[in-house]
Amino acid sequence: MDPNDKLKVAGQQVEAVASELIEEFKDHYLEYVALHPEYIEKKRDIFEGWVIQKIAGLQIAVTELAKHANAAINLDNLAN
């Protein structure tokens, strides 16, 4: 595949995931203010909390992935 095509596909993937995240946050915001109507004007605060949770989830996923990758490397080294 041409590098420009790869870049275009990657850009489309980013756009698709970004759109999903935007919709997910909209749903989260509506649910949150339904439970806490006093926060209706605090969209930025709600967003920041939501983003921190997303980042924490990514950190956990990356850490677990690294553990599994390192375990596989260590097993491969033992076999050799």
C-alpha atoms as a PDB file:
ATOM      1  CA  MET A   1       0.000   0.000   0.000  1.00  0.00           C
ATOM      2  CA  ASP A   2       1.208   3.458  -0.885  1.00  0.00           C
ATOM      3  CA  PRO A   3       2.411   5.453   2.180  1.00  0.00           C
ATOM      4  CA  ASN A   4      -0.064   8.225   1.336  1.00  0.00           C
ATOM      5  CA  ASP A   5      -2.887   5.671   1.331  1.00  0.00           C
ATOM      6  CA  LYS A   6      -1.727   4.354   4.706  1.00  0.00           C
ATOM      7  CA  LEU A   7      -1.742   7.890   6.064  1.00  0.00           C
ATOM      8  CA  LYS A   8      -5.225   8.478   4.674  1.00  0.00           C
ATOM      9  CA  VAL A   9      -6.530   5.250   6.248  1.00  0.00           C
ATOM     10  CA  ALA A  10      -4.928   6.146   9.582  1.00  0.00           C
ATOM     11  CA  GLY A  11      -6.542   9.580   9.438  1.00  0.00           C
ATOM     12  CA  GLN A  12      -9.927   8.019   8.745  1.00  0.00           C
ATOM     13  CA  GLN A  13      -9.481   5.659  11.695  1.00  0.00           C
ATOM     14  CA  VAL A  14      -8.625   8.576  13.974  1.00  0.00           C
ATOM     15  CA  GLU A  15     -11.686  10.487  12.778  1.00  0.00           C
ATOM     16  CA  ALA A  16     -13.931   7.463  13.371  1.00  0.00           C
ATOM     17  CA  VAL A  17     -12.647   6.907  16.904  1.00  0.00           C
ATOM     18  CA  ALA A  18     -12.852  10.633  17.674  1.00  0.00           C
ATOM     19  CA  SER A  19     -16.485  10.662  16.555  1.00  0.00           C
ATOM     20  CA  GLU A  20     -17.229   7.663  18.780  1.00  0.00           C
ATOM     21  CA  LEU A  21     -15.598   9.368  21.755  1.00  0.00           C
ATOM     22  CA  ILE A  22     -17.547  12.578  21.155  1.00  0.00           C
ATOM     23  CA  GLU A  23     -20.812  10.639  21.124  1.00  0.00           C
ATOM     24  CA  GLU A  24     -19.759   8.670  24.199  1.00  0.00           C
ATOM     25  CA  PHE A  25     -19.026  11.885  26.095  1.00  0.00           C
ATOM     26  CA  LYS A  26     -22.333  13.440  25.020  1.00  0.00           C
ATOM     27  CA  ASP A  27     -24.136  10.404  26.449  1.00  0.00           C
ATOM     28  CA  HIS A  28     -22.050  10.548  29.626  1.00  0.00           C
ATOM     29  CA  TYR A  29     -22.755  14.261  30.064  1.00  0.00           C
ATOM     30  CA  LEU A  30     -26.506  13.813  29.639  1.00  0.00           C
ATOM     31  CA  GLU A  31     -26.561  10.920  32.113  1.00  0.00           C
ATOM     32  CA  TYR A  32     -24.456  12.874  34.600  1.00  0.00           C
ATOM     33  CA  VAL A  33     -26.579  16.026  34.534  1.00  0.00           C
ATOM     34  CA  ALA A  34     -29.735  13.914  34.752  1.00  0.00           C
ATOM     35  CA  LEU A  35     -28.407  12.655  38.097  1.00  0.00           C
ATOM     36  CA  HIS A  36     -26.814  15.983  39.102  1.00  0.00           C
ATOM     37  CA  PRO A  37     -28.735  18.848  37.452  1.00  0.00           C
ATOM     38  CA  GLU A  38     -26.738  21.389  39.445  1.00  0.00           C
ATOM     39  CA  TYR A  39     -23.741  20.537  37.208  1.00  0.00           C
ATOM     40  CA  ILE A  40     -25.443  21.437  33.916  1.00  0.00           C
ATOM     41  CA  GLU A  41     -23.163  24.492  33.549  1.00  0.00           C
ATOM     42  CA  LYS A  42     -20.026  22.495  34.489  1.00  0.00           C
ATOM     43  CA  LYS A  43     -19.532  20.659  31.198  1.00  0.00           C
ATOM     44  CA  ARG A  44     -15.783  21.288  31.217  1.00  0.00           C
ATOM     45  CA  ASP A  45     -15.398  19.824  34.724  1.00  0.00           C
ATOM     46  CA  ILE A  46     -17.430  16.774  33.738  1.00  0.00           C
ATOM     47  CA  PHE A  47     -15.356  16.425  30.564  1.00  0.00           C
ATOM     48  CA  GLU A  48     -12.062  16.642  32.464  1.00  0.00           C
ATOM     49  CA  GLY A  49     -13.154  13.902  34.868  1.00  0.00           C
ATOM     50  CA  TRP A  50     -14.296  11.734  31.979  1.00  0.00           C
ATOM     51  CA  VAL A  51     -10.992  12.246  30.125  1.00  0.00           C
ATOM     52  CA  ILE A  52      -8.971  11.363  33.227  1.00  0.00           C
ATOM     53  CA  GLN A  53     -10.927   8.107  33.495  1.00  0.00           C
ATOM     54  CA  LYS A  54     -10.255   7.362  29.820  1.00  0.00           C
ATOM     55  CA  ILE A  55      -6.525   8.046  30.244  1.00  0.00           C
ATOM     56  CA  ALA A  56      -6.392   5.854  33.352  1.00  0.00           C
ATOM     57  CA  GLY A  57      -8.044   3.038  31.397  1.00  0.00           C
ATOM     58  CA  LEU A  58      -5.491   3.426  28.607  1.00  0.00           C
ATOM     59  CA  GLN A  59      -2.629   3.383  31.116  1.00  0.00           C
ATOM     60  CA  ILE A  60      -3.921   0.138  32.613  1.00  0.00           C
ATOM     61  CA  ALA A  61      -4.339  -1.419  29.162  1.00  0.00           C
ATOM     62  CA  VAL A  62      -0.820  -0.418  28.073  1.00  0.00           C
ATOM     63  CA  THR A  63       0.707  -1.682  31.323  1.00  0.00           C
ATOM     64  CA  GLU A  64      -1.050  -5.038  30.959  1.00  0.00           C
ATOM     65  CA  LEU A  65      -0.040  -5.291  27.304  1.00  0.00           C
ATOM     66  CA  ALA A  66       3.585  -4.596  28.252  1.00  0.00           C
ATOM     67  CA  LYS A  67       3.456  -7.297  30.950  1.00  0.00           C
ATOM     68  CA  HIS A  68       2.157  -9.847  28.455  1.00  0.00           C
ATOM     69  CA  ALA A  69       4.714  -8.828  25.824  1.00  0.00           C
ATOM     70  CA  ASN A  70       7.558  -9.058  28.337  1.00  0.00           C
ATOM     71  CA  ALA A  71       6.341 -12.451  29.540  1.00  0.00           C
ATOM     72  CA  ALA A  72       6.292 -13.720  25.945  1.00  0.00           C
ATOM     73  CA  ILE A  73       9.804 -12.368  25.342  1.00  0.00           C
ATOM     74  CA  ASN A  74      11.050 -14.004  28.533  1.00  0.00           C
ATOM     75  CA  LEU A  75       9.516 -17.350  27.528  1.00  0.00           C
ATOM     76  CA  ASP A  76      11.099 -17.053  24.096  1.00  0.00           C
ATOM     77  CA  ASN A  77      14.488 -16.330  25.689  1.00  0.00           C
ATOM     78  CA  LEU A  78      14.146 -19.392  27.939  1.00  0.00           C
ATOM     79  CA  ALA A  79      13.397 -21.595  24.931  1.00  0.00           C
ATOM     80  CA  ASN A  80      16.573 -20.467  23.183  1.00  0.00           C
END
